[in-house]
Protein backbone atom coordinates (compact mmCIF):
# COMPACT_ATOMS: atom_id res chain seq x y z
CA MET A 1 57.54 16.75 103.94
CA SER A 2 60.60 17.42 105.81
CA THR A 3 61.82 20.40 107.45
CA SER A 4 64.54 20.85 104.72
CA GLN A 5 62.24 20.96 102.18
CA GLU A 6 59.83 23.33 103.50
CA LYS A 7 62.59 26.08 104.26
CA PHE A 8 64.15 25.93 100.59
CA ILE A 9 63.66 28.83 98.75
CA VAL A 10 64.61 29.05 94.77
CA SER A 11 67.58 31.05 94.07
CA ALA A 12 65.56 33.29 91.67
CA ARG A 13 63.74 34.33 94.74
CA LYS A 14 66.33 33.89 97.55
CA TYR A 15 68.83 35.98 95.74
CA ARG A 16 66.80 38.53 94.09
CA PRO A 17 68.76 41.82 94.14
CA GLU A 18 67.42 44.24 97.22
CA ASN A 19 69.50 47.31 96.13
CA TRP A 20 71.56 49.02 93.14
CA LYS A 21 74.67 47.30 93.79
CA GLU A 22 73.28 43.87 93.93
CA VAL A 23 71.57 44.27 89.82
CA ILE A 24 73.81 42.66 87.35
CA GLY A 25 74.39 43.79 83.81
CA GLN A 26 72.26 47.21 83.78
CA GLY A 27 74.78 49.50 84.85
CA SER A 28 73.80 52.23 82.90
CA ILE A 29 70.15 51.94 83.70
CA THR A 30 70.86 51.77 87.63
CA GLU A 31 73.35 54.82 87.64
CA THR A 32 70.33 56.83 85.89
CA LEU A 33 67.95 56.03 88.19
CA MET A 34 69.90 56.68 91.11
CA ASN A 35 71.18 59.95 89.92
CA SER A 36 67.47 61.16 89.17
CA ILE A 37 66.64 60.05 92.77
CA GLU A 38 69.08 62.04 94.41
CA GLN A 39 68.71 64.94 92.42
CA ASP A 40 64.90 64.74 92.58
CA HIS A 41 64.59 64.97 88.89
CA MET A 42 62.11 61.93 88.81
CA ALA A 43 59.46 61.67 85.67
CA HIS A 44 55.69 60.40 86.93
CA ALA A 45 55.88 57.40 84.29
CA TYR A 46 58.51 55.04 83.26
CA LEU A 47 58.52 52.46 80.76
CA PHE A 48 61.06 49.30 81.36
CA CYS A 49 61.48 47.16 78.68
CA GLY A 50 63.50 44.27 77.68
CA PRO A 51 63.91 40.28 77.77
CA ARG A 52 62.42 38.38 80.56
CA GLY A 53 64.58 37.81 83.62
CA VAL A 54 66.84 40.80 83.10
CA GLY A 55 65.79 42.90 86.17
CA LYS A 56 62.92 45.05 85.02
CA THR A 57 60.88 44.33 87.81
CA THR A 58 63.35 43.90 90.07
CA CYS A 59 64.62 47.47 89.50
CA ALA A 60 61.06 48.66 89.66
CA ARG A 61 60.69 47.65 93.24
CA ILE A 62 64.29 49.23 94.26
CA PHE A 63 63.27 52.43 92.84
CA ALA A 64 59.79 52.40 94.39
CA LYS A 65 61.88 51.93 97.75
CA GLU A 66 64.66 54.20 97.43
CA ILE A 67 62.47 57.23 96.34
CA ASN A 68 60.57 57.27 99.83
CA ARG A 69 63.74 56.57 101.81
CA SER A 70 64.76 59.80 103.71
CA ASP A 71 67.04 61.10 106.51
CA ASP A 72 63.72 60.67 108.72
CA HIS A 73 63.44 56.84 108.22
CA SER A 74 65.49 54.01 109.07
CA GLU A 75 67.30 51.69 106.31
CA ASP A 76 65.48 48.96 107.56
CA GLU A 77 62.00 50.63 107.37
CA ASP A 78 60.07 48.77 104.66
CA PHE A 79 57.94 50.86 102.23
CA SER A 80 56.05 47.94 100.96
CA PHE A 81 52.66 49.53 101.76
CA ASN A 82 53.47 52.19 99.07
CA ILE A 83 54.08 49.46 96.01
CA PHE A 84 51.30 48.08 94.16
CA GLU A 85 51.91 45.69 91.54
CA MET A 86 49.18 44.61 88.87
CA ASP A 87 49.60 42.16 86.23
CA ALA A 88 48.23 43.83 83.24
CA ALA A 89 47.83 39.91 81.49
CA SER A 90 45.00 39.46 83.97
CA ASN A 91 43.83 42.61 84.34
CA ASN A 92 43.74 44.17 81.13
CA GLY A 93 40.09 45.82 81.06
CA VAL A 94 38.60 48.97 81.21
CA ASP A 95 36.83 48.14 84.92
CA GLU A 96 40.49 47.20 86.04
CA MET A 97 41.68 50.53 85.12
CA ARG A 98 39.23 52.34 86.42
CA SER A 99 39.51 50.89 89.71
CA LEU A 100 43.50 51.55 89.55
CA THR A 101 42.17 55.48 88.48
CA ASP A 102 40.31 55.53 91.97
CA GLN A 103 43.14 54.35 94.01
CA VAL A 104 45.77 56.69 92.50
CA ARG A 105 43.66 59.43 94.31
CA ILE A 106 44.38 58.52 97.69
CA PRO A 107 47.75 59.67 99.23
CA PRO A 108 50.31 57.47 101.02
CA GLN A 109 50.33 57.12 104.48
CA VAL A 110 53.96 56.54 105.02
CA GLY A 111 56.57 58.24 102.69
CA LYS A 112 56.01 60.41 99.83
CA TYR A 113 55.18 58.28 96.91
CA LYS A 114 52.95 55.63 95.85
CA VAL A 115 54.30 53.60 92.95
CA TYR A 116 52.14 51.53 90.72
CA ILE A 117 54.20 48.79 88.71
CA ILE A 118 52.09 47.44 85.96
CA ASP A 119 53.89 44.11 84.70
CA GLU A 120 53.27 42.98 80.79
CA VAL A 121 51.61 46.31 80.34
CA HIS A 122 51.46 45.42 76.49
CA MET A 123 48.61 43.15 77.35
CA LEU A 124 46.49 45.71 78.17
CA SER A 125 43.44 46.10 75.68
CA LYS A 126 42.84 49.04 73.29
CA GLN A 127 39.89 50.54 75.53
CA ALA A 128 42.15 49.88 78.69
CA PHE A 129 44.72 51.95 77.33
CA ASN A 130 42.46 54.90 76.38
CA ALA A 131 40.83 54.84 80.22
CA PHE A 132 44.42 54.95 81.55
CA LEU A 133 45.93 57.61 79.39
CA LYS A 134 44.33 60.54 81.00
CA THR A 135 45.98 59.41 84.54
CA LEU A 136 49.03 58.58 83.22
CA GLU A 137 49.90 62.09 81.75
CA GLU A 138 48.49 64.05 84.45
CA PRO A 139 48.80 61.93 87.88
CA PRO A 140 48.95 63.40 91.33
CA LYS A 141 52.02 64.67 92.65
CA HIS A 142 52.27 61.59 94.98
CA ALA A 143 51.71 58.93 92.16
CA ILE A 144 54.42 57.05 90.01
CA PHE A 145 53.93 54.64 87.20
CA ILE A 146 56.26 52.56 86.50
CA LEU A 147 55.19 50.02 83.30
CA ALA A 148 57.35 46.79 82.30
CA THR A 149 56.96 44.75 79.19
CA THR A 150 58.95 42.41 77.00
CA GLU A 151 57.44 43.68 73.88
CA LYS A 152 57.46 47.44 73.62
CA HIS A 153 56.31 47.60 69.93
CA LYS A 154 52.66 46.43 71.17
CA VAL A 155 52.38 49.30 73.61
CA ILE A 156 50.78 52.31 71.56
CA PRO A 157 52.56 55.41 70.80
CA THR A 158 50.28 57.54 72.75
CA ILE A 159 51.21 55.63 75.96
CA LEU A 160 55.11 55.46 74.76
CA SER A 161 55.04 59.11 74.45
CA ARG A 162 54.06 59.78 78.29
CA CYS A 163 56.86 57.46 79.78
CA GLN A 164 60.69 57.66 80.29
CA ILE A 165 61.99 54.63 78.49
CA TYR A 166 64.69 52.31 79.48
CA ASP A 167 65.77 49.27 77.45
CA PHE A 168 67.29 46.58 79.50
CA ASN A 169 70.07 44.82 77.67
CA ARG A 170 70.47 41.04 78.02
CA ILE A 171 73.10 39.79 80.95
CA GLY A 172 76.52 38.95 79.33
CA ILE A 173 77.83 35.41 80.08
CA GLU A 174 80.84 36.40 82.10
CA ASP A 175 78.37 38.35 84.41
CA ILE A 176 75.86 35.30 84.68
CA VAL A 177 78.84 33.17 85.72
CA ASN A 178 80.27 35.38 88.16
CA GLN A 179 76.90 35.57 90.02
CA LEU A 180 76.56 31.76 89.53
CA LYS A 181 79.87 31.11 91.49
CA SER A 182 79.10 33.74 94.08
CA ILE A 183 76.04 31.55 94.49
CA ALA A 184 77.77 28.07 94.55
CA LYS A 185 80.15 29.34 97.10
CA LYS A 186 77.38 30.30 99.49
CA GLU A 187 75.41 27.02 98.76
CA ASP A 188 78.62 25.04 99.18
CA ILE A 189 77.73 23.56 96.06
CA LYS A 190 80.93 22.24 93.91
CA TYR A 191 81.10 23.20 90.28
CA GLU A 192 83.38 23.23 87.03
CA GLU A 193 83.93 26.54 85.56
CA GLU A 194 82.86 25.04 82.03
CA ALA A 195 79.60 23.88 83.45
CA LEU A 196 78.56 27.38 84.56
CA HIS A 197 79.54 28.64 81.01
CA VAL A 198 77.01 26.09 79.75
CA VAL A 199 73.99 26.87 81.90
CA ALA A 200 75.12 30.86 81.34
CA GLN A 201 74.85 30.11 77.39
CA LYS A 202 71.47 27.99 77.70
CA ALA A 203 70.10 31.11 79.76
CA ASP A 204 70.26 33.41 76.81
CA GLY A 205 71.02 36.35 78.77
CA ALA A 206 68.42 35.76 81.43
CA MET A 207 69.44 35.55 85.28
CA ARG A 208 66.39 34.14 86.27
CA ASP A 209 66.69 31.48 83.57
CA ALA A 210 70.19 30.52 84.68
CA LEU A 211 69.12 30.35 88.37
CA SER A 212 66.26 28.04 87.64
CA ILE A 213 68.78 26.11 85.75
CA PHE A 214 71.45 26.01 88.43
CA ASP A 215 68.71 25.06 90.70
CA GLN A 216 67.80 21.97 88.43
CA LEU A 217 71.18 20.99 87.96
CA SER A 218 72.15 21.40 91.66
CA SER A 219 69.33 18.37 92.29
CA PHE A 220 70.60 16.23 89.27
CA THR A 221 74.26 16.33 89.84
CA ASN A 222 73.92 16.10 93.95
CA GLU A 223 75.44 19.62 94.29
CA ASN A 224 78.25 18.54 92.02
CA LEU A 225 78.11 20.77 88.69
CA THR A 226 80.31 18.56 86.19
CA TYR A 227 80.74 19.63 82.95
CA ASP A 228 79.50 16.09 81.47
CA ALA A 229 76.56 16.14 83.65
CA VAL A 230 75.60 19.35 82.54
CA LEU A 231 75.58 18.35 79.05
CA LYS A 232 73.49 15.12 79.60
CA ASN A 233 70.81 16.99 81.67
CA LEU A 234 70.60 19.74 79.18
CA HIS A 235 71.15 18.18 76.11
CA VAL A 236 73.76 20.43 75.17
CA LEU A 237 76.53 19.39 72.36
CA ASP A 238 80.17 19.21 73.53
CA TYR A 239 82.42 21.33 72.07
CA GLU A 240 84.67 18.43 71.43
CA TYR A 241 82.17 17.44 68.55
CA TYR A 242 82.85 20.97 67.02
CA PHE A 243 86.68 20.41 67.27
CA LYS A 244 86.74 17.21 65.85
CA ILE A 245 84.61 17.74 62.67
CA THR A 246 86.44 21.32 62.03
CA ASP A 247 89.66 19.11 61.80
CA ALA A 248 88.05 16.66 59.55
CA LEU A 249 86.34 19.17 57.42
CA TYR A 250 89.94 21.04 56.83
CA GLN A 251 92.05 18.01 56.03
CA ALA A 252 88.82 16.95 53.51
CA ASP A 253 88.18 13.89 55.40
CA PHE A 254 84.66 13.17 54.23
CA ALA A 255 84.29 9.90 55.72
CA ASP A 256 85.29 11.14 59.17
CA ALA A 257 83.13 14.15 58.87
CA LEU A 258 80.04 12.07 57.83
CA VAL A 259 80.43 9.67 60.66
CA ILE A 260 80.54 12.62 63.11
CA LEU A 261 77.59 13.86 62.11
CA ASP A 262 75.54 10.37 62.03
CA SER A 263 76.90 9.97 65.76
CA ILE A 264 75.40 13.49 66.77
CA LEU A 265 72.03 12.89 65.08
CA LYS A 266 71.80 9.27 66.96
CA GLN A 267 72.01 11.16 70.04
CA GLY A 268 69.22 12.87 69.35
CA PHE A 269 70.43 16.33 68.73
CA ASP A 270 68.56 18.65 66.30
CA GLY A 271 70.02 19.34 62.91
CA SER A 272 69.23 22.78 63.02
CA HIS A 273 70.97 23.09 66.34
CA PHE A 274 73.86 21.36 65.16
CA ILE A 275 74.79 23.62 62.06
CA SER A 276 73.84 27.16 63.50
CA GLY A 277 76.54 25.61 66.53
CA LEU A 278 78.92 24.70 63.75
CA ALA A 279 78.46 28.36 62.29
CA SER A 280 78.89 29.66 65.63
CA HIS A 281 82.17 27.52 66.08
CA PHE A 282 83.53 28.96 62.77
CA ARG A 283 82.96 32.54 64.09
CA ASP A 284 84.50 31.79 67.43
CA LEU A 285 87.76 30.51 65.43
CA LEU A 286 87.73 33.49 63.46
CA VAL A 287 87.82 35.79 66.42
CA CYS A 288 90.63 33.90 67.83
CA LYS A 289 92.75 35.16 64.70
CA ASP A 290 93.12 38.66 66.40
CA PRO A 291 94.18 39.45 69.88
CA ARG A 292 91.73 42.53 69.29
CA THR A 293 88.70 40.55 69.06
CA LEU A 294 89.77 37.98 71.90
CA GLY A 295 87.10 39.42 74.24
CA LEU A 296 84.43 38.49 72.08
CA LEU A 297 85.14 34.48 72.65
CA GLU A 298 82.93 33.76 75.79
CA VAL A 299 83.97 30.36 76.70
CA GLY A 300 85.75 29.03 79.64
CA ASP A 301 90.04 29.16 79.68
CA SER A 302 90.42 25.54 78.97
CA VAL A 303 87.94 25.99 75.99
CA ARG A 304 89.53 29.16 75.14
CA ALA A 305 92.94 27.43 74.60
CA LYS A 306 91.46 24.69 72.43
CA TYR A 307 89.80 27.27 70.01
CA ASN A 308 93.30 29.42 69.84
CA ASP A 309 95.23 25.89 69.15
CA GLN A 310 92.96 25.28 66.34
CA ALA A 311 92.42 28.66 65.09
CA GLN A 312 96.40 28.75 64.33
CA LYS A 313 96.29 25.68 62.18
CA ILE A 314 93.61 26.92 60.07
CA GLU A 315 93.85 29.73 57.25
CA SER A 316 91.41 32.71 57.91
CA GLU A 317 90.02 32.35 54.40
CA TRP A 318 88.89 28.79 54.84
CA ILE A 319 87.04 29.86 58.11
CA LEU A 320 85.31 32.61 55.87
CA SER A 321 83.99 30.08 53.44
CA ALA A 322 83.04 27.49 55.58
CA LEU A 323 81.38 29.95 57.88
CA SER A 324 79.39 31.32 54.80
CA LEU A 325 78.70 27.81 53.72
CA ALA A 326 77.53 26.71 57.32
CA ALA A 327 75.27 30.03 57.21
CA GLU A 328 73.45 29.50 54.09
CA SER A 329 72.60 25.72 55.26
CA ASP A 330 71.36 26.96 58.22
CA PHE A 331 69.28 29.58 56.11
CA LYS A 332 67.75 26.55 54.08
CA PHE A 333 67.36 24.14 56.65
CA ARG A 334 63.57 24.55 57.60
CA ASN A 335 62.72 24.95 54.16
CA THR A 336 64.28 21.72 52.65
CA SER A 337 62.23 18.23 52.70
CA ASN A 338 65.19 16.24 53.16
CA GLN A 339 66.90 17.85 56.16
CA ARG A 340 70.17 15.31 56.92
CA LEU A 341 70.56 15.35 53.18
CA LEU A 342 71.05 19.13 53.33
CA LEU A 343 73.54 18.98 56.48
CA GLU A 344 75.56 16.02 54.43
CA THR A 345 75.82 18.13 51.26
CA SER A 346 76.86 21.06 53.42
CA LEU A 347 79.77 19.39 55.31
CA LEU A 348 80.86 17.96 51.79
CA SER A 349 80.90 21.29 50.27
CA ILE A 350 82.89 22.92 53.23
CA ALA A 351 85.65 19.86 53.02
CA SER A 352 85.68 20.65 49.44
CA ILE A 353 87.00 24.15 49.80
CA GLU A 354 90.56 23.23 49.83
CA LEU A 355 90.39 21.20 46.86
CA GLU A 356 88.47 23.49 44.55
CA LYS A 357 91.17 25.95 45.88
CA LYS A 358 93.83 23.73 44.28
CA ASN A 359 92.12 22.88 41.16
CA THR A 360 90.94 26.23 40.20
CA LYS A 361 94.18 27.86 40.67
CA PRO A 362 95.82 29.06 37.06
CA GLU A 363 99.01 27.63 35.80
CA VAL A 364 100.41 31.15 35.15
CA ASN A 365 99.78 34.48 36.54
CA VAL A 366 100.68 37.49 34.08
CA LEU A 367 100.33 40.47 36.52
CA ARG A 368 99.75 43.76 34.56
CA ALA A 369 99.77 47.38 35.89
CA PRO A 370 96.90 49.40 35.96
CA SER A 371 95.97 51.87 33.13
CA GLU A 372 93.44 54.14 31.99
CA LYS A 373 91.18 52.87 29.58
CA LYS A 374 91.46 53.99 26.09
CA LYS A 375 88.50 55.28 24.17
CA LEU A 376 88.23 53.48 20.60
CA GLU A 377 87.84 56.03 17.61
CA PRO A 378 86.79 55.03 14.44
CA LEU A 379 89.59 54.41 11.98
CA PRO A 380 89.23 55.10 8.11
CA GLU A 381 88.55 51.87 6.42
CA LYS A 382 91.69 49.91 5.32
CA GLN A 383 93.81 51.41 8.07
CA MET A 384 94.84 48.70 10.41
CA ARG A 385 96.79 49.16 13.69
CA GLU A 386 98.60 46.47 15.45
CA GLU A 387 97.69 45.14 18.88
CA ALA A 388 100.00 42.22 19.27
CA THR A 389 102.72 40.98 17.18
CA LEU A 390 105.25 38.08 17.55
CA ASP A 391 107.55 38.71 14.61
CA GLU A 392 110.37 36.92 16.20
CA PRO A 393 110.88 33.22 17.37
CA LEU A 394 108.57 32.89 20.32
CA LYS A 395 111.45 32.15 22.91
CA GLU A 396 113.28 35.33 22.04
CA ALA A 397 110.21 37.22 22.04
CA ILE A 398 109.05 36.62 25.51
CA LYS A 399 112.84 37.02 27.27
CA ASN A 400 113.22 40.25 25.47
CA ALA A 401 109.63 41.65 26.56
CA VAL A 402 109.75 45.02 27.78
CA PRO A 403 107.28 47.31 28.93
CA GLU A 404 106.57 49.69 26.13
CA LYS A 405 104.70 53.07 26.27
CA GLU A 406 102.13 52.68 28.60
CA THR A 407 100.32 55.65 27.66
CA GLU A 408 99.15 54.59 24.15
CA SER A 409 98.54 50.74 25.33
CA SER A 410 95.17 49.76 27.18
CA THR A 411 94.91 46.84 28.95
CA ALA A 412 91.50 46.86 30.63
CA SER A 413 90.13 43.11 32.06
CA SER A 414 87.48 41.68 30.38
CA SER A 415 85.12 39.19 32.43
CA HIS A 416 82.89 38.43 29.72
CA GLN A 417 81.36 34.81 30.05
CA GLU A 418 82.05 33.41 26.52
CA GLU A 419 79.00 31.67 24.48
CA ILE A 420 80.54 28.78 22.44
CA ILE A 421 78.57 28.25 19.23
CA GLN A 422 79.03 24.95 17.23
CA PRO A 423 79.62 26.05 13.75
CA GLU A 424 77.54 24.38 11.02
CA VAL A 425 79.93 22.90 8.59
CA PRO A 426 78.08 22.98 4.80
CA SER A 427 77.80 19.25 2.84
CA ASN A 428 80.90 20.84 0.34
CA GLY A 429 83.09 21.06 3.34
CA LYS A 430 83.60 24.78 3.04
CA VAL A 431 82.81 27.71 5.36
CA GLU A 432 81.21 30.77 4.23
CA GLU A 433 83.69 33.70 4.91
CA ALA A 434 82.27 36.81 6.82
CA PRO A 435 82.54 40.18 5.11
CA VAL A 436 85.16 42.28 6.49
CA SER A 437 84.09 45.72 7.81
CA PRO A 438 86.00 48.72 9.14
CA ILE A 439 88.52 47.65 11.85
CA HIS A 440 89.20 49.23 15.12
CA GLU A 441 92.25 48.73 17.60
CA ASN A 442 91.33 46.83 20.42
CA ALA A 443 94.06 46.47 22.93
CA ALA A 444 92.16 44.93 25.76
CA THR A 445 93.76 41.53 27.01
CA SER A 446 91.95 38.79 28.77
CA ARG A 447 92.51 37.71 32.48
CA ARG A 448 89.63 35.63 32.76
CA THR A 449 89.88 33.30 35.54
CA LYS A 450 87.06 30.60 34.66
CA ARG A 451 89.36 29.15 31.70
CA LYS A 452 92.53 27.77 31.33
CA PRO A 453 95.22 30.49 31.00
CA SER A 454 96.74 30.98 27.97
CA THR A 455 100.65 29.53 27.74
CA VAL A 456 101.83 32.62 26.63
CA SER A 457 100.80 36.38 26.03
CA LEU A 458 101.38 37.84 22.49
CA LYS A 459 102.99 40.95 23.84
CA LEU A 460 103.81 41.48 27.35
CA GLU A 461 102.34 45.37 27.17
CA ASN A 462 102.50 47.61 30.51
CA THR A 463 104.17 44.99 32.41
CA VAL A 464 105.56 46.46 35.64
CA GLU A 465 109.40 45.86 35.27
CA GLU A 466 109.97 44.39 38.53
CA LYS A 467 107.55 41.15 37.99
CA ALA A 468 108.70 40.72 34.18
CA PRO A 469 111.49 38.35 35.27
CA ALA A 470 108.94 36.04 37.04
CA VAL A 471 106.63 36.29 34.27
CA LYS A 472 109.09 35.23 31.65
CA ASP A 473 110.08 32.25 33.84
CA LEU A 474 106.36 30.93 33.81
CA VAL A 475 105.70 31.74 30.39
CA GLU A 476 109.05 29.48 29.67
CA GLU A 477 108.07 26.47 31.20
CA GLN A 478 104.81 27.11 29.09
CA VAL A 479 106.84 27.30 26.04
CA GLN A 480 108.89 24.18 26.61
CA SER A 481 105.58 22.28 26.92
CA ILE A 482 104.35 23.89 23.32
CA LYS A 483 107.55 22.70 21.75
CA ALA A 484 107.24 19.26 22.86
CA GLU A 485 103.78 19.36 20.89
CA GLU A 486 105.05 20.58 17.54
CA PRO A 487 104.71 18.41 14.33
CA SER A 488 107.66 17.12 13.01
CA SER A 489 110.03 19.08 11.18
CA ASP A 490 110.75 16.23 9.05
CA GLU A 491 107.71 16.35 7.18
CA ALA A 492 107.27 18.20 3.58
CA SER A 493 106.56 21.90 4.24
CA LEU A 494 102.99 23.17 3.61
CA ASP A 495 101.86 26.47 2.05
CA ILE A 496 99.83 28.61 4.27
CA GLU A 497 96.86 28.19 3.04
CA SER A 498 96.88 24.11 3.32
CA ALA A 499 98.69 24.61 6.91
CA TRP A 500 95.68 26.71 8.10
CA LYS A 501 93.17 24.44 7.04
CA LYS A 502 95.15 21.45 8.50
CA LEU A 503 94.88 23.43 12.05
CA SER A 504 91.33 24.30 11.65
CA THR A 505 90.12 20.77 11.26
CA GLU A 506 92.62 19.64 13.92
CA SER A 507 90.78 22.13 16.54
CA PHE A 508 87.61 21.01 15.09
CA ASP A 509 88.42 17.31 15.69
CA GLU A 510 89.77 18.38 19.34
CA GLY A 511 86.12 19.59 20.18
CA LYS A 512 87.50 23.16 20.01
CA SER A 513 84.42 24.59 17.84
CA ALA A 514 84.96 28.15 18.83
CA LEU A 515 88.24 28.05 17.85
CA TYR A 516 87.59 26.36 14.64
CA SER A 517 84.90 29.07 13.70
CA ILE A 518 87.33 31.85 13.93
CA MET A 519 89.68 29.96 12.02
CA ALA A 520 87.56 29.01 9.23
CA LYS A 521 86.67 32.47 8.33
CA GLN A 522 90.31 33.68 7.48
CA LYS A 523 91.84 33.98 4.28
CA PRO A 524 95.53 33.25 5.03
CA THR A 525 96.63 33.90 1.40
CA ASP A 526 94.86 37.23 1.15
CA GLN A 527 95.84 38.19 4.78
CA MET A 528 99.84 37.37 4.71
CA ASP A 529 101.85 40.36 4.56
CA GLU A 530 105.60 39.44 4.00
CA ASN A 531 106.50 37.33 7.24
CA THR A 532 103.28 38.32 9.21
CA LEU A 533 99.89 36.71 9.21
CA THR A 534 97.11 39.31 9.93
CA ILE A 535 93.80 37.80 11.79
CA ILE A 536 90.70 39.61 11.47
CA LEU A 537 88.42 39.02 14.19
CA SER A 538 84.79 40.45 14.39
CA HIS A 539 84.34 40.80 18.09
CA GLU A 540 86.05 40.95 21.58
CA VAL A 541 84.71 37.42 22.51
CA ASP A 542 86.54 36.05 19.12
CA GLN A 543 89.63 37.84 20.33
CA GLU A 544 89.70 36.58 24.06
CA GLU A 545 88.97 33.03 22.58
CA PHE A 546 91.75 33.30 19.96
CA VAL A 547 94.40 34.83 22.33
CA GLN A 548 93.76 31.46 24.63
CA HIS A 549 94.86 29.43 21.67
CA SER A 550 97.46 31.80 19.83
CA ALA A 551 100.69 30.58 21.16
CA SER A 552 99.86 26.99 20.34
CA VAL A 553 98.41 28.15 17.17
CA LEU A 554 101.70 29.94 15.82
CA SER A 555 103.95 27.42 17.10
CA LYS A 556 102.21 24.71 15.11
CA LEU A 557 101.77 26.69 11.85
CA ARG A 558 105.68 27.81 12.07
CA ALA A 559 106.43 24.04 12.08
CA LEU A 560 103.84 23.19 9.17
CA ILE A 561 105.28 25.75 6.80
CA GLN A 562 108.96 25.48 8.39
CA ASN A 563 109.35 29.13 8.65
CA PRO A 564 110.41 29.68 12.40
CA THR A 565 109.94 33.60 12.11
CA LEU A 566 106.73 33.90 11.13
CA GLY A 567 104.36 36.35 13.08
CA LEU A 568 101.07 37.14 14.10
CA LYS A 569 99.24 40.26 14.04
CA ILE A 570 95.56 40.26 15.80
CA LEU A 571 92.91 42.85 14.57
CA VAL A 572 89.21 43.47 16.07
CA GLN A 573 86.76 44.74 13.34
CA GLU A 574 83.69 46.57 14.68
CA THR A 575 80.34 45.78 12.84
CA LYS A 576 78.52 48.77 11.71
CA HIS A 577 75.12 48.74 12.78
CA GLU A 578 72.59 50.86 10.45
CA THR A 579 70.10 52.95 12.36
CA LYS A 580 66.63 52.17 11.11
CA LEU A 581 64.03 54.78 10.79
CA PHE A 582 60.66 53.63 12.01
CA THR A 583 58.55 56.55 13.29
CA ALA A 584 57.65 59.69 11.24
CA GLN A 585 59.86 61.91 13.85
CA ASP A 586 62.70 59.53 12.79
CA LYS A 587 62.61 60.20 9.37
CA PHE A 588 61.94 63.88 9.63
CA GLU A 589 65.19 64.25 12.05
CA TYR A 590 67.25 62.01 9.56
CA LEU A 591 65.90 64.55 6.41
CA ALA A 592 66.25 67.70 8.62
CA GLY A 593 69.80 66.91 9.21
CA GLN A 594 70.19 66.30 5.64
CA ASN A 595 68.54 69.82 4.71
CA PRO A 596 68.32 72.04 7.93
CA THR A 597 65.67 74.24 5.83
CA LEU A 598 63.07 71.65 6.56
CA ARG A 599 62.91 72.91 10.20
CA LYS A 600 62.42 76.41 9.08
CA LEU A 601 59.47 75.14 6.78
CA LYS A 602 57.79 72.89 9.43
CA GLN A 603 57.89 75.92 12.01
CA ASP A 604 56.65 78.56 9.55
CA LEU A 605 53.75 76.19 8.01
CA ASP A 606 53.30 74.91 11.24
CA LEU A 607 53.23 71.55 10.03
CA ASP A 608 52.30 68.35 12.22
CA ILE A 609 54.82 65.49 10.97
CA SER A 610 53.11 62.90 12.71
CA HIS A 611 50.62 62.58 9.80
């Protein structure tokens, strides 16, 4: 073995902190411990907990040395004989705890304190914990215990209650990178900053892991850490793949996205790491959208510039949707049998975000001002109130639409999911008519998003005046398209009954079964009053359905009967549900309501109505 190899010391040991200033990423803990030493407010037991490689044992050793320093001792004096370390993973029995208890009684030969550091204390058996309790609670004045563990939840509560607990955090990526830069300069190792960022991310907040990877890469690259060499050795997916596949997804280039995925998988990268990395990439893009969150992006300057450029090209709404789909795919990945298919379908779903947005965009957006919901009260039978009307030519009514009494109209939104029922047509071709029950006004108009919006509103109630012109322009375009579909006026004029039947038959032939069911229940002749046809509906769902087609129906009806001034009136009737009396108590309450003396009779005679 050569002399140079014999002298080599791994960086994790060579650059282990020797004082508080060299400890990285644990400022609050080191400051607290330093103050407790200066003020002589030290506890007899401490518990240092946190992930591996963040400095728990190191801080315990520094603390043990610092508490024994005084003016009588030189700074170079070593108090290692006052420090006792025990690995609880291999000494976890009752006998080891009894031996420790015997050692605690002996005072130190140099200095004031003897410090006992018990690493991985959660590995002690329950019996060992119980044997250690009394000594931990009331140790000699010269004894201080420092317990270290990575799994605090496995330490029994009786131990936790006797210790001051310090939670060590994972070390930040920037702190790790700065430390690696310092070591690289001392060791005369060339490096690229992006390569050190990859090492820091791979270490996952553990300084010891970062130094171990650093030593490994120094040997692999012959002390020249380049970005490409680090990716190759650590088998880490390059940022460029995420930038390329994000561009392909945003441009809805399905083929390019699948080709990039195939290239990634052929290189041996795990699909779970890819999809989780893609979700993290979307998160970083979202972080770049706001200057206030740029500090959360833990990458090098060159990669930061790429993130910023791509983030400016993509909308925040798209990034949020893509992030949600990627996170959902990451959650499903382990439980699916065909993992590649899941990745491909997830990428296709992300690529289709913009296409779905365009397909679901409504043709007309009628904006309505908010209004309070008016409570519906029963009206006397035969008393009908008008909800919406078109008693003038369609085009003129829309142009002159003006907000009316806002306090008297109710424009509550409706989001009911419609259930379309295929009507049953009897053999004789006639449809039975539903009985008409007392009618109530229902001024709720539909703004459903999952259906094709109506081409024109029957009445623009409660519309904000500033938005009315824009609404009129949008509706006017729909009116022109409807007029193009109107029947020829050269045909012979039909009566209202024949025209209505013709329209209902056409709706059935066109597959509009719900509209056909509504139209088949109407009696146009009986429901015609002067120049207005009243449409009687039995449910709000029917109202929503008919409103969607009302403009087209009215336009065609006017052409068939050759009456351009025909108007429509829509009324919603309420079906009364008769309360049925099932139990004896129900029957008694009903009769008592008719004759109150029955209650007094029941009380006087002490009757039991259950029999």
